[in-house]
Amino acid sequence: MATVNFQCGNCNNLMAVSAEFLGQQVRCPHCQAVVVAPAATAPAEPGLAAGGFSPHNEQDDIFAPPEPTDDLFGRAEAPRVELPPTPHEPVLALNGDANMAAPAAAAPFGSTMSYAGPETAPSALTGTGAIPSWMDSPPAPAAAAPSIATEPAQEANEEVIPHLIRRPRDGGGWFVGLVVIPLISYALLATVAVILLWYRFQQAPPPPPNQLDTLPSFDPNDEEHSTHLQIKQKALNRIRGMDVKMATGPLLPERITRLGEKLQVGDLEITPQRVDRQIVSVVSKGSQPEPGRGPSLVLHLRLKNMSSNVVFQPMDTFFYRKWMSKSEQPPLTILELVEAARTVRFFGGPAEYHPPPPPSNIHAPLPQEVDGDHASHVLRPGEVMDTFVCTDGDDKAAVDAVENHHGKLLWRVHLRCGIITLDSHHLVPISSVVGVEFTDDDYRKSS
């Protein structure tokens, strides 16, 4: 079987193949690389054979490695043709050589090269009239050969990934300015509003003001009534809208004290001293005292003006007057007998209240006062006075209830406590209702 020897384009060693494999891919026995065997040459024409000219006169085998020459720059190595790597974006050669290819190491299944044999004599070209297929491409230039042989395999595999430049969308500025920014602002404001509302709901609401703690009360002994306003005598000390429900409303805990304990409200210091039962008399102007038919329960108080420049009248006969008609406003001085099932209340005291009559009306009823309570006494700064409040001795129901009660009692006492300043020209006298707690033992042991 005829064989053809040629030089491996990968390792430059000679290898032999059968004539039937010419022009096909074969594997080099030395480097195991896959190369293309040279194509079979056409048989010589008879004219050439008769002339005695043979293309092999100068070389025995056109596929044999070239013999050393005296060329100053040396002979260029045969180019190596390899299978292209896995399809990627092609990398263009910088030197413009179309015969340059990637190194053999980049191909996963070996390299494929086209063999360009040694330079053929001109007589061979003219004798055949055709160039073999394996000599279609001329040898690579000598200057490019070293770069191909020494180029690392890794550089051939590098891919050039172009940088993507995203083109901005036309007309996006107005959308951000008109839609996105208002939505973000609205979301922030809504979040702040929700947080503020939640914080307010979490806080305990302030207690409603107690109407019995700060009551307007004009001092009848002050000609200008401390407000520089002309007040009608019939309107003095009267509180609008006062009814039984409001008069018996709960007191503030800080306005309740016990016997022997001091309590200061505004400019007034209150000290409940004792409680007992005794006969109390009522006196009218120009008449003799009239004692009650039964014993009255009496609460003795000591009052002191704690201010430095305020003069006021802490007691008033209107504050614990006798409640004559249920259609009128109730007095705010109230005795409460606290029982398990209910609370029994007795309003006011034994003296009837009548506004001062005009001089022409000689038949008008005269005002009454409780004998010894000093209700009209004016208290100066630092001054102390003793007074009392009591029940009506003529009220048999009150006398019997006090006698038969066993347990806790609460006496609500209405007193003036000084003035409050609204502004530089308005000083308003105020009054307040304080509570004194005691039991039936407190008045039984002293009676």
Protein backbone atom coordinates (compact mmCIF):
# COMPACT_ATOMS: atom_id res chain seq x y z
CA MET A 1 0.00 0.00 0.00
CA ALA A 2 1.41 3.41 -1.05
CA THR A 3 2.07 5.92 1.70
CA VAL A 4 2.72 9.64 1.66
CA ASN A 5 5.03 11.37 4.13
CA PHE A 6 4.39 14.94 5.19
CA GLN A 7 5.28 17.21 8.05
CA CYS A 8 2.82 17.65 10.94
CA GLY A 9 1.82 21.27 11.14
CA ASN A 10 1.53 21.10 14.93
CA CYS A 11 4.75 19.40 16.07
CA ASN A 12 6.76 19.63 12.76
CA ASN A 13 7.49 15.87 12.85
CA LEU A 14 7.18 13.65 9.80
CA MET A 15 4.20 11.39 9.58
CA ALA A 16 3.06 8.93 6.91
CA VAL A 17 -0.48 8.21 5.78
CA SER A 18 -1.93 5.87 3.21
CA ALA A 19 -2.81 7.31 -0.15
CA GLU A 20 -6.49 6.67 0.50
CA PHE A 21 -6.43 9.19 3.41
CA LEU A 22 -4.97 12.03 1.39
CA GLY A 23 -7.05 15.19 1.68
CA GLN A 24 -8.74 13.91 4.87
CA GLN A 25 -8.28 14.58 8.58
CA VAL A 26 -5.80 12.28 10.30
CA ARG A 27 -4.26 12.18 13.78
CA CYS A 28 -0.55 12.80 14.27
CA PRO A 29 1.12 9.82 16.02
CA HIS A 30 3.52 12.18 17.79
CA CYS A 31 1.36 14.98 19.24
CA GLN A 32 -2.05 13.35 18.71
CA ALA A 33 -3.27 16.48 16.95
CA VAL A 34 -5.83 16.18 14.15
CA VAL A 35 -4.42 17.60 10.90
CA VAL A 36 -5.47 17.52 7.24
CA ALA A 37 -3.39 15.27 5.01
CA PRO A 38 -2.27 16.82 1.71
CA ALA A 39 -4.52 16.21 -1.25
CA ALA A 40 -3.55 13.63 -3.87
CA THR A 41 -1.64 15.09 -6.83
CA ALA A 42 -2.82 14.57 -10.40
CA PRO A 43 -0.75 12.11 -12.49
CA ALA A 44 1.90 13.62 -14.75
CA GLU A 45 0.95 14.16 -18.38
CA PRO A 46 2.68 11.96 -21.00
CA GLY A 47 4.34 14.93 -22.62
CA LEU A 48 6.10 15.81 -19.45
CA ALA A 49 7.27 12.26 -18.87
CA ALA A 50 8.63 11.95 -22.40
CA GLY A 51 10.57 15.14 -22.08
CA GLY A 52 12.37 13.69 -19.13
CA PHE A 53 11.40 16.63 -16.86
CA SER A 54 10.19 15.67 -13.45
CA PRO A 55 9.07 17.95 -10.71
CA HIS A 56 10.95 15.76 -8.30
CA ASN A 57 14.32 16.41 -9.74
CA GLU A 58 15.21 18.94 -7.12
CA GLN A 59 13.37 17.22 -4.23
CA ASP A 60 12.42 13.64 -3.79
CA ASP A 61 9.19 14.45 -1.99
CA ILE A 62 7.32 17.66 -2.15
CA PHE A 63 5.91 16.83 1.28
CA ALA A 64 9.31 16.26 2.83
CA PRO A 65 10.59 18.92 5.18
CA PRO A 66 12.54 21.60 3.35
CA GLU A 67 16.27 21.43 3.33
CA PRO A 68 18.30 24.15 4.98
CA THR A 69 18.95 27.08 2.72
CA ASP A 70 21.25 30.05 2.77
CA ASP A 71 18.34 32.42 3.15
CA LEU A 72 19.43 35.22 5.43
CA PHE A 73 16.03 35.56 7.15
CA GLY A 74 15.24 31.91 7.24
CA ARG A 75 12.23 30.11 5.85
CA ALA A 76 8.84 30.87 7.23
CA GLU A 77 7.20 28.06 9.12
CA ALA A 78 4.19 26.47 7.64
CA PRO A 79 1.02 28.03 8.94
CA ARG A 80 -1.07 25.98 11.27
CA VAL A 81 -4.71 25.69 10.53
CA GLU A 82 -6.91 24.64 13.38
CA LEU A 83 -10.57 23.97 13.93
CA PRO A 84 -12.32 27.08 15.05
CA PRO A 85 -13.25 27.18 18.77
CA THR A 86 -16.75 27.01 20.12
CA PRO A 87 -18.74 29.58 18.15
CA HIS A 88 -18.08 32.98 19.67
CA GLU A 89 -17.94 36.46 18.39
CA PRO A 90 -14.95 36.50 15.98
CA VAL A 91 -11.89 38.51 16.90
CA LEU A 92 -10.42 40.34 13.98
CA ALA A 93 -6.67 40.13 13.47
CA LEU A 94 -4.88 43.40 13.99
CA ASN A 95 -2.29 42.81 11.26
CA GLY A 96 -4.89 42.04 8.61
CA ASP A 97 -3.50 38.56 7.90
CA ALA A 98 -6.36 36.36 6.82
CA ASN A 99 -4.33 33.18 7.37
CA MET A 100 -3.85 33.70 11.13
CA ALA A 101 -5.97 31.48 13.37
CA ALA A 102 -6.33 30.62 17.04
CA PRO A 103 -3.76 28.25 18.62
CA ALA A 104 -4.41 24.56 18.68
CA ALA A 105 -4.97 24.47 22.43
CA ALA A 106 -8.22 26.46 22.06
CA ALA A 107 -9.99 23.71 20.12
CA PRO A 108 -11.58 21.06 22.31
CA PHE A 109 -11.09 18.28 19.76
CA GLY A 110 -7.55 19.05 18.50
CA SER A 111 -6.35 21.30 15.70
CA THR A 112 -6.86 21.26 11.97
CA MET A 113 -4.28 22.84 9.68
CA SER A 114 -3.86 23.21 5.97
CA TYR A 115 -0.40 22.18 4.87
CA ALA A 116 1.53 24.43 2.57
CA GLY A 117 4.43 22.39 1.30
CA PRO A 118 7.83 23.64 0.37
CA GLU A 119 8.26 25.99 -2.51
CA THR A 120 7.60 24.19 -5.73
CA ALA A 121 9.86 24.62 -8.65
CA PRO A 122 8.52 26.67 -11.52
CA SER A 123 8.84 23.66 -13.79
CA ALA A 124 6.31 21.77 -11.69
CA LEU A 125 3.80 24.58 -11.89
CA THR A 126 4.16 24.89 -15.61
CA GLY A 127 4.10 21.18 -16.11
CA THR A 128 0.81 20.52 -14.32
CA GLY A 129 -0.94 23.78 -15.04
CA ALA A 130 -2.85 23.61 -11.65
CA ILE A 131 -2.04 24.38 -8.03
CA PRO A 132 -2.89 21.62 -5.54
CA SER A 133 -5.64 22.33 -3.03
CA TRP A 134 -3.26 22.18 -0.16
CA MET A 135 -1.20 24.93 -1.77
CA ASP A 136 -4.11 27.37 -2.24
CA SER A 137 -2.91 29.70 0.50
CA PRO A 138 0.63 31.03 0.37
CA PRO A 139 2.86 30.74 3.40
CA ALA A 140 2.36 33.28 6.14
CA PRO A 141 4.85 36.15 6.27
CA ALA A 142 7.96 35.53 8.26
CA ALA A 143 7.27 38.42 10.62
CA ALA A 144 3.92 36.97 11.72
CA ALA A 145 5.17 33.45 12.41
CA PRO A 146 6.80 34.08 15.81
CA SER A 147 3.72 35.80 17.13
CA ILE A 148 1.56 32.84 16.16
CA ALA A 149 3.87 30.29 17.73
CA THR A 150 4.32 32.13 20.99
CA GLU A 151 0.77 33.44 21.46
CA PRO A 152 -0.75 31.91 24.57
CA ALA A 153 -3.80 29.78 24.12
CA GLN A 154 -5.70 31.70 26.77
CA GLU A 155 -5.51 34.96 24.80
CA ALA A 156 -7.16 33.33 21.80
CA ASN A 157 -10.09 32.27 23.95
CA GLU A 158 -10.67 35.73 25.33
CA GLU A 159 -13.91 37.23 24.17
CA VAL A 160 -14.41 40.88 23.55
CA ILE A 161 -17.64 41.79 25.35
CA PRO A 162 -18.80 45.19 24.20
CA HIS A 163 -20.06 47.57 26.88
CA LEU A 164 -23.79 48.07 26.61
CA ILE A 165 -24.76 51.71 26.62
CA ARG A 166 -28.40 52.10 27.53
CA ARG A 167 -30.04 54.95 25.80
CA PRO A 168 -32.18 57.06 28.11
CA ARG A 169 -35.86 56.99 27.45
CA ASP A 170 -37.11 60.13 25.83
CA GLY A 171 -39.66 62.14 27.83
CA GLY A 172 -39.03 60.55 31.27
CA GLY A 173 -38.31 63.78 33.13
CA TRP A 174 -41.88 65.05 33.24
CA PHE A 175 -43.15 61.71 34.54
CA VAL A 176 -40.77 61.85 37.54
CA GLY A 177 -41.57 65.48 38.26
CA LEU A 178 -45.35 65.24 37.91
CA VAL A 179 -46.08 61.73 39.18
CA VAL A 180 -43.27 60.16 41.20
CA ILE A 181 -42.26 63.13 43.36
CA PRO A 182 -45.87 64.06 44.36
CA LEU A 183 -46.58 60.44 45.26
CA ILE A 184 -43.49 60.24 47.46
CA SER A 185 -44.38 63.54 49.17
CA TYR A 186 -47.94 62.38 49.77
CA ALA A 187 -46.73 59.09 51.25
CA LEU A 188 -44.38 60.89 53.64
CA LEU A 189 -47.06 63.34 54.78
CA ALA A 190 -49.60 60.56 55.26
CA THR A 191 -47.11 58.57 57.34
CA VAL A 192 -46.37 61.57 59.57
CA ALA A 193 -50.09 62.25 60.03
CA VAL A 194 -50.79 58.64 61.01
CA ILE A 195 -47.93 58.67 63.53
CA LEU A 196 -49.20 61.89 65.12
CA LEU A 197 -52.75 60.57 65.36
CA TRP A 198 -51.56 57.31 66.86
CA TYR A 199 -49.45 59.21 69.41
CA ARG A 200 -52.42 61.34 70.43
CA PHE A 201 -54.70 58.35 70.82
CA GLN A 202 -52.10 56.60 72.94
CA GLN A 203 -51.94 59.49 75.37
CA ALA A 204 -54.51 59.51 78.13
CA PRO A 205 -57.07 62.25 77.50
CA PRO A 206 -56.94 65.04 80.04
CA PRO A 207 -59.64 64.81 82.67
CA PRO A 208 -62.57 67.16 82.11
CA PRO A 209 -62.52 70.28 84.26
CA ASN A 210 -64.43 69.95 87.51
CA GLN A 211 -67.10 72.62 87.63
CA LEU A 212 -67.13 72.58 91.43
CA ASP A 213 -63.42 73.37 91.69
CA THR A 214 -63.38 76.87 90.21
CA LEU A 215 -66.68 78.70 90.53
CA PRO A 216 -67.19 82.43 89.92
CA SER A 217 -68.13 84.16 93.14
CA PHE A 218 -68.47 87.93 93.52
CA ASP A 219 -67.61 89.39 96.87
CA PRO A 220 -70.56 91.46 98.13
CA ASN A 221 -68.24 93.58 100.28
CA ASP A 222 -66.26 94.74 97.24
CA GLU A 223 -68.01 97.74 95.72
CA GLU A 224 -66.45 97.07 92.32
CA HIS A 225 -66.75 93.29 92.79
CA SER A 226 -63.08 92.92 91.78
CA THR A 227 -63.95 93.10 88.08
CA HIS A 228 -64.70 96.80 87.54
CA LEU A 229 -68.16 95.73 86.41
CA GLN A 230 -71.51 96.75 87.81
CA ILE A 231 -73.17 93.57 89.01
CA LYS A 232 -76.78 93.39 90.08
CA GLN A 233 -77.26 92.38 93.68
CA LYS A 234 -79.73 89.65 92.73
CA ALA A 235 -77.10 88.09 90.45
CA LEU A 236 -74.41 87.90 93.12
CA ASN A 237 -73.02 84.40 93.78
CA ARG A 238 -75.49 82.78 91.42
CA ILE A 239 -74.15 80.15 89.03
CA ARG A 240 -75.97 79.56 85.79
CA GLY A 241 -77.13 76.07 84.94
CA MET A 242 -76.56 74.64 88.42
CA ASP A 243 -78.87 71.72 89.22
CA VAL A 244 -78.90 68.81 91.65
CA LYS A 245 -76.87 66.56 89.34
CA MET A 246 -74.14 69.15 88.94
CA ALA A 247 -74.23 70.10 92.63
CA THR A 248 -73.72 66.47 93.70
CA GLY A 249 -71.05 65.65 91.14
CA PRO A 250 -67.80 63.97 92.21
CA LEU A 251 -65.13 66.10 93.85
CA LEU A 252 -61.48 66.04 92.93
CA PRO A 253 -59.47 63.74 95.24
CA GLU A 254 -57.14 66.61 96.14
CA ARG A 255 -60.14 68.62 97.38
CA ILE A 256 -61.10 66.10 100.07
CA THR A 257 -59.60 66.11 103.59
CA ARG A 258 -60.24 64.67 107.06
CA LEU A 259 -60.70 66.07 110.53
CA GLY A 260 -57.48 67.67 111.78
CA GLU A 261 -55.82 67.73 108.33
CA LYS A 262 -55.08 71.03 106.59
CA LEU A 263 -56.10 71.69 103.01
CA GLN A 264 -55.17 74.76 100.96
CA VAL A 265 -57.27 75.84 98.00
CA GLY A 266 -56.10 79.00 96.30
CA ASP A 267 -55.41 81.63 98.98
CA LEU A 268 -57.45 79.86 101.66
CA GLU A 269 -56.19 77.28 104.16
CA ILE A 270 -58.93 75.07 105.63
CA THR A 271 -58.57 72.98 108.79
CA PRO A 272 -61.58 70.87 109.87
CA GLN A 273 -61.36 70.75 113.67
CA ARG A 274 -64.25 68.69 115.00
CA VAL A 275 -67.86 67.70 114.45
CA ASP A 276 -70.62 67.58 117.09
CA ARG A 277 -74.36 68.05 117.68
CA GLN A 278 -75.85 71.12 119.30
CA ILE A 279 -78.76 73.54 119.19
CA VAL A 280 -78.18 76.29 116.63
CA SER A 281 -80.06 79.59 116.53
CA VAL A 282 -81.05 81.70 113.55
CA VAL A 283 -81.13 85.47 113.83
CA SER A 284 -82.67 88.17 111.66
CA LYS A 285 -81.66 91.79 111.63
CA GLY A 286 -83.24 93.59 114.56
CA SER A 287 -84.68 90.43 116.15
CA GLN A 288 -83.74 87.91 118.80
CA PRO A 289 -82.06 84.57 117.93
CA GLU A 290 -84.51 81.73 117.38
CA PRO A 291 -83.12 78.30 118.38
CA GLY A 292 -83.95 75.23 116.36
CA ARG A 293 -86.37 72.58 117.57
CA GLY A 294 -83.79 69.83 117.33
CA PRO A 295 -80.00 69.42 117.50
CA SER A 296 -78.03 70.31 114.38
CA LEU A 297 -74.90 68.50 113.24
CA VAL A 298 -72.12 71.11 113.32
CA LEU A 299 -68.74 71.04 111.50
CA HIS A 300 -66.22 73.45 113.01
CA LEU A 301 -63.68 74.99 110.64
CA ARG A 302 -60.60 77.17 110.99
CA LEU A 303 -59.87 79.37 107.98
CA LYS A 304 -56.70 81.31 107.19
CA ASN A 305 -55.93 83.81 104.45
CA MET A 306 -52.59 82.67 102.94
CA SER A 307 -52.24 85.53 100.45
CA SER A 308 -50.11 88.63 100.88
CA ASN A 309 -52.36 91.22 99.30
CA VAL A 310 -55.84 89.74 98.80
CA VAL A 311 -58.81 90.50 101.04
CA PHE A 312 -61.89 88.33 100.65
CA GLN A 313 -64.90 86.97 102.51
CA PRO A 314 -64.61 83.17 102.71
CA MET A 315 -68.09 82.49 104.14
CA ASP A 316 -71.44 83.58 102.74
CA THR A 317 -74.97 82.98 103.96
CA PHE A 318 -75.92 82.24 100.37
CA PHE A 319 -73.50 79.31 100.26
CA TYR A 320 -75.38 77.21 102.84
CA ARG A 321 -78.78 78.79 102.80
CA LYS A 322 -81.95 76.92 103.51
CA TRP A 323 -83.27 75.31 100.32
CA MET A 324 -86.81 76.68 100.25
CA SER A 325 -88.01 75.65 96.78
CA LYS A 326 -86.88 72.75 94.64
CA SER A 327 -87.31 74.91 91.54
CA GLU A 328 -84.41 77.11 92.63
CA GLN A 329 -80.77 76.29 92.38
CA PRO A 330 -79.62 74.02 95.20
CA PRO A 331 -76.98 75.23 97.66
CA LEU A 332 -73.57 73.63 97.22
CA THR A 333 -72.98 73.01 100.97
CA ILE A 334 -74.36 69.47 101.34
CA LEU A 335 -74.18 66.77 104.03
CA GLU A 336 -74.01 63.25 102.57
CA LEU A 337 -74.72 60.15 104.64
CA VAL A 338 -73.04 57.34 102.74
CA GLU A 339 -74.89 54.03 103.08
CA ALA A 340 -74.43 50.70 101.37
CA ALA A 341 -77.51 50.97 99.17
CA ARG A 342 -77.83 54.73 98.75
CA THR A 343 -76.56 58.15 99.76
CA VAL A 344 -78.85 60.47 101.74
CA ARG A 345 -78.25 64.19 101.21
CA PHE A 346 -79.28 67.30 103.12
CA PHE A 347 -78.78 70.59 101.31
CA GLY A 348 -77.84 73.90 102.92
CA GLY A 349 -78.46 75.00 106.49
CA PRO A 350 -81.13 76.52 108.75
CA ALA A 351 -81.03 80.19 107.63
CA GLU A 352 -83.20 81.55 104.82
CA TYR A 353 -81.56 83.77 102.27
CA HIS A 354 -83.30 86.96 101.12
CA PRO A 355 -81.71 89.65 98.98
CA PRO A 356 -81.42 93.03 100.68
CA PRO A 357 -84.81 94.78 100.24
CA PRO A 358 -85.08 98.34 98.96
CA PRO A 359 -85.63 100.95 101.66
CA SER A 360 -89.15 101.63 100.46
CA ASN A 361 -90.32 98.05 100.99
CA ILE A 362 -90.76 97.76 104.73
CA HIS A 363 -92.69 94.49 104.48
CA ALA A 364 -89.99 92.54 102.65
CA PRO A 365 -88.51 89.61 104.59
CA LEU A 366 -85.21 90.33 106.22
CA PRO A 367 -82.07 88.24 105.58
CA GLN A 368 -81.28 85.58 108.16
CA GLU A 369 -77.95 84.46 109.54
CA VAL A 370 -76.82 81.58 111.70
CA ASP A 371 -75.86 82.92 115.07
CA GLY A 372 -72.08 82.76 115.61
CA ASP A 373 -70.92 81.53 112.20
CA HIS A 374 -69.33 84.88 111.22
CA ALA A 375 -70.43 84.39 107.65
CA SER A 376 -69.96 88.08 106.82
CA HIS A 377 -66.47 88.36 108.23
CA VAL A 378 -63.81 89.66 105.80
CA LEU A 379 -60.49 87.84 106.07
CA ARG A 380 -57.33 89.89 105.57
CA PRO A 381 -53.91 88.54 104.54
CA GLY A 382 -52.52 86.23 107.23
CA GLU A 383 -55.69 86.49 109.36
CA VAL A 384 -57.38 83.44 110.91
CA MET A 385 -61.07 82.96 111.75
CA ASP A 386 -63.18 80.18 113.27
CA THR A 387 -66.54 79.39 111.75
CA PHE A 388 -68.87 76.45 111.21
CA VAL A 389 -71.55 74.98 108.98
CA CYS A 390 -74.54 73.05 110.27
CA THR A 391 -77.74 71.26 109.35
CA ASP A 392 -81.26 72.56 109.95
CA GLY A 393 -82.44 71.70 113.46
CA ASP A 394 -86.04 72.27 112.39
CA ASP A 395 -85.75 69.48 109.77
CA LYS A 396 -86.84 66.36 111.71
CA ALA A 397 -85.71 64.07 108.84
CA ALA A 398 -82.17 65.42 109.07
CA VAL A 399 -82.11 65.12 112.87
CA ASP A 400 -83.33 61.49 112.75
CA ALA A 401 -80.98 60.51 109.92
CA VAL A 402 -77.93 61.83 111.76
CA GLU A 403 -79.04 60.06 114.95
CA ASN A 404 -79.62 56.70 113.29
CA HIS A 405 -76.72 56.71 110.82
CA HIS A 406 -73.72 54.47 111.38
CA GLY A 407 -70.86 54.76 108.98
CA LYS A 408 -69.18 57.28 106.72
CA LEU A 409 -70.25 60.87 106.12
CA LEU A 410 -69.02 63.51 103.67
CA TRP A 411 -69.67 67.21 104.18
CA ARG A 412 -69.35 69.34 101.06
CA VAL A 413 -68.51 72.92 102.03
CA HIS A 414 -68.73 75.86 99.63
CA LEU A 415 -66.08 78.54 100.40
CA ARG A 416 -64.42 81.51 98.71
CA CYS A 417 -60.74 80.86 97.98
CA GLY A 418 -59.38 84.21 96.81
CA ILE A 419 -59.09 85.57 93.29
CA ILE A 420 -57.68 84.55 89.94
CA THR A 421 -56.10 86.97 87.46
CA LEU A 422 -57.55 86.96 83.98
CA ASP A 423 -55.49 89.94 82.83
CA SER A 424 -54.12 93.17 84.26
CA HIS A 425 -57.61 94.66 84.58
CA HIS A 426 -59.71 91.64 85.51
CA LEU A 427 -59.34 89.99 88.93
CA VAL A 428 -62.17 87.54 89.48
CA PRO A 429 -63.04 86.10 92.93
CA ILE A 430 -63.48 82.36 92.84
CA SER A 431 -65.05 79.80 95.12
CA SER A 432 -64.64 76.07 95.44
CA VAL A 433 -66.33 73.08 97.03
CA VAL A 434 -64.15 71.04 99.40
CA GLY A 435 -65.03 67.78 101.11
CA VAL A 436 -64.52 66.72 104.74
CA GLU A 437 -64.75 63.01 105.53
CA PHE A 438 -65.68 61.67 109.00
CA THR A 439 -67.78 58.96 110.65
CA ASP A 440 -70.64 58.89 113.16
CA ASP A 441 -68.15 58.05 115.93
CA ASP A 442 -66.63 61.52 115.52
CA TYR A 443 -69.81 63.31 116.62
CA ARG A 444 -71.15 60.68 119.03
CA LYS A 445 -68.10 60.79 121.28
CA SER A 446 -68.21 64.60 121.48
CA SER A 447 -71.99 64.95 122.09
